Structure formats: C-alpha cells, structure tokens
C-alpha cells in the first residue's frame, strides 16, 4: 500500500507532509503503523477503527469515511488519501480534497 500511496501522492503533487488524513484498509494495526512510519505521518493523521471493529476488510475505507464525517474529523478543504488492497492481489490509492457536503435529511 505504501508504494501505491506514494505514487498517488506524487500524481497529486503532494509530498507526504502535505497530507491531512489517511484512510487505509483496516487489516491490522501493524500494517497501519508501518504506513505511518514509512511515510513519516503523525499517528493522528491515520484514521483507525481496528480497536473497536477489527478487520473490516472491503468495508474499511467507506466505513471510516462515514465515521469520520459523522464525528467531524473530516472537514472541507482537507487533503485526504485513500488506500486499500484485496486479498493481496489488487490494490489502489487515490487522493482527494474533502468537499463541502450537505447532509440530506428526510423530507428535506
């Protein structure tokens, strides 16, 4: 994931230090710690829910995004990177700038 993530950051023109938040596949804490160390990120920059849910597999990234949005952890304008892999055979990373998102409510 580090290689894929590094290439995605380079394509966006962002050095790792410009990243605000990393949302990564939640296989285990050791992998997240490795990414954090290799890219020189602060532990708080890497979202995690492993301690509460364990390995959430393919749901990791969307669940973390929803949780962070609901908690106010993600704010408009933040530089966010997403990275994940599946069964060790497929992987991918992308970058985005967190947009302003308006909540949709029933009847509104």
Protein backbone atom coordinates (compact mmCIF):
# COMPACT_ATOMS: atom_id res chain seq x y z
CA UNK A 1 0.00 0.00 0.00
CA UNK A 2 2.89 2.39 0.67
CA UNK A 3 4.13 2.19 -2.92
CA UNK A 4 0.64 2.74 -4.33
CA UNK A 5 0.01 5.58 -1.91
CA UNK A 6 3.35 7.24 -2.65
CA UNK A 7 2.57 7.15 -6.38
CA UNK A 8 -0.91 8.62 -5.82
CA UNK A 9 0.54 11.43 -3.71
CA UNK A 10 3.16 12.16 -6.39
CA UNK A 11 0.48 12.32 -9.11
CA UNK A 12 -1.44 14.82 -6.97
CA UNK A 13 1.74 16.84 -6.47
CA UNK A 14 1.55 16.34 -2.70
CA UNK A 15 4.54 15.42 -0.58
CA UNK A 16 3.52 13.10 2.31
CA UNK A 17 3.84 16.08 4.66
CA UNK A 18 1.01 17.87 2.83
CA UNK A 19 -1.46 15.09 3.65
CA UNK A 20 -4.02 15.87 6.35
CA UNK A 21 -5.72 12.49 6.70
CA UNK A 22 -5.06 8.94 5.54
CA UNK A 23 -7.94 6.48 5.28
CA UNK A 24 -6.48 2.99 4.83
CA UNK A 25 -7.62 -0.61 4.65
CA UNK A 26 -8.01 -1.84 8.22
CA UNK A 27 -6.35 -5.27 8.10
CA UNK A 28 -4.35 -4.85 11.32
CA UNK A 29 -2.62 -2.20 13.40
CA UNK A 30 0.87 -3.40 12.43
CA UNK A 31 0.19 -2.51 8.79
CA UNK A 32 -1.17 0.93 9.70
CA UNK A 33 1.86 1.56 11.92
CA UNK A 34 4.16 0.58 9.05
CA UNK A 35 2.47 3.02 6.66
CA UNK A 36 2.58 5.75 9.31
CA UNK A 37 6.30 5.19 9.90
CA UNK A 38 7.31 4.79 6.24
CA UNK A 39 5.54 7.98 5.16
CA UNK A 40 6.50 9.97 8.26
CA UNK A 41 2.88 10.65 9.22
CA UNK A 42 1.71 11.54 12.71
CA UNK A 43 -0.40 8.78 14.30
CA UNK A 44 -3.43 11.10 14.43
CA UNK A 45 -3.33 11.53 10.65
CA UNK A 46 -4.18 7.87 10.06
CA UNK A 47 -7.80 7.03 10.80
CA UNK A 48 -8.39 3.71 12.52
CA UNK A 49 -11.22 1.70 13.98
CA UNK A 50 -9.34 -1.59 14.38
CA UNK A 51 -9.52 -1.45 18.18
CA UNK A 52 -13.33 -1.30 18.04
CA UNK A 53 -14.18 -3.43 14.98
CA UNK A 54 -11.13 -5.45 13.95
CA UNK A 55 -10.53 -6.14 10.25
CA UNK A 56 -13.43 -4.64 8.33
CA UNK A 57 -11.99 -5.86 5.00
CA UNK A 58 -13.53 -4.23 1.91
CA UNK A 59 -15.74 -2.01 4.06
CA UNK A 60 -12.75 -0.33 5.75
CA UNK A 61 -12.48 2.81 3.66
CA UNK A 62 -16.19 3.65 3.28
CA UNK A 63 -16.93 2.87 6.94
CA UNK A 64 -14.04 5.04 8.11
CA UNK A 65 -15.10 7.88 5.81
CA UNK A 66 -18.67 7.74 7.15
CA UNK A 67 -17.49 7.60 10.77
CA UNK A 68 -15.05 10.48 10.31
CA UNK A 69 -17.65 12.61 8.54
CA UNK A 70 -20.21 11.96 11.29
CA UNK A 71 -17.66 12.74 14.01
CA UNK A 72 -16.49 15.95 12.31
CA UNK A 73 -12.97 14.56 11.89
CA UNK A 74 -13.06 15.31 8.16
CA UNK A 75 -13.58 18.94 7.27
CA UNK A 76 -13.85 20.68 3.89
CA UNK A 77 -10.52 21.50 2.32
CA UNK A 78 -8.54 18.70 3.94
CA UNK A 79 -6.18 16.70 1.76
CA UNK A 80 -7.20 13.07 2.11
CA UNK A 81 -5.59 9.91 0.74
CA UNK A 82 -7.40 6.59 0.44
CA UNK A 83 -5.58 3.27 0.09
CA UNK A 84 -6.71 -0.34 0.20
CA UNK A 85 -5.95 -3.84 -1.03
CA UNK A 86 -7.87 -7.02 -1.58
CA UNK A 87 -6.56 -10.49 -0.86
CA UNK A 88 -3.04 -9.29 -1.67
CA UNK A 89 -3.83 -9.41 -5.38
CA UNK A 90 -5.36 -5.99 -6.01
CA UNK A 91 -4.59 -2.62 -4.52
CA UNK A 92 -5.16 1.02 -5.18
CA UNK A 93 -4.79 4.51 -3.79
CA UNK A 94 -6.21 7.90 -4.62
CA UNK A 95 -6.21 11.42 -3.29
CA UNK A 96 -8.94 13.99 -2.84
CA UNK A 97 -9.63 17.33 -1.27
CA UNK A 98 -12.55 16.95 1.12
CA UNK A 99 -15.51 18.78 -0.43
CA UNK A 100 -18.25 20.64 1.40
CA UNK A 101 -21.01 18.06 1.79
CA UNK A 102 -24.52 18.99 2.82
CA UNK A 103 -26.42 16.37 4.79
CA UNK A 104 -29.66 15.14 3.28
CA UNK A 105 -32.44 14.65 5.77
CA UNK A 106 -35.86 13.07 5.46
CA UNK A 107 -38.40 15.44 4.00
CA UNK A 108 -35.70 17.94 3.08
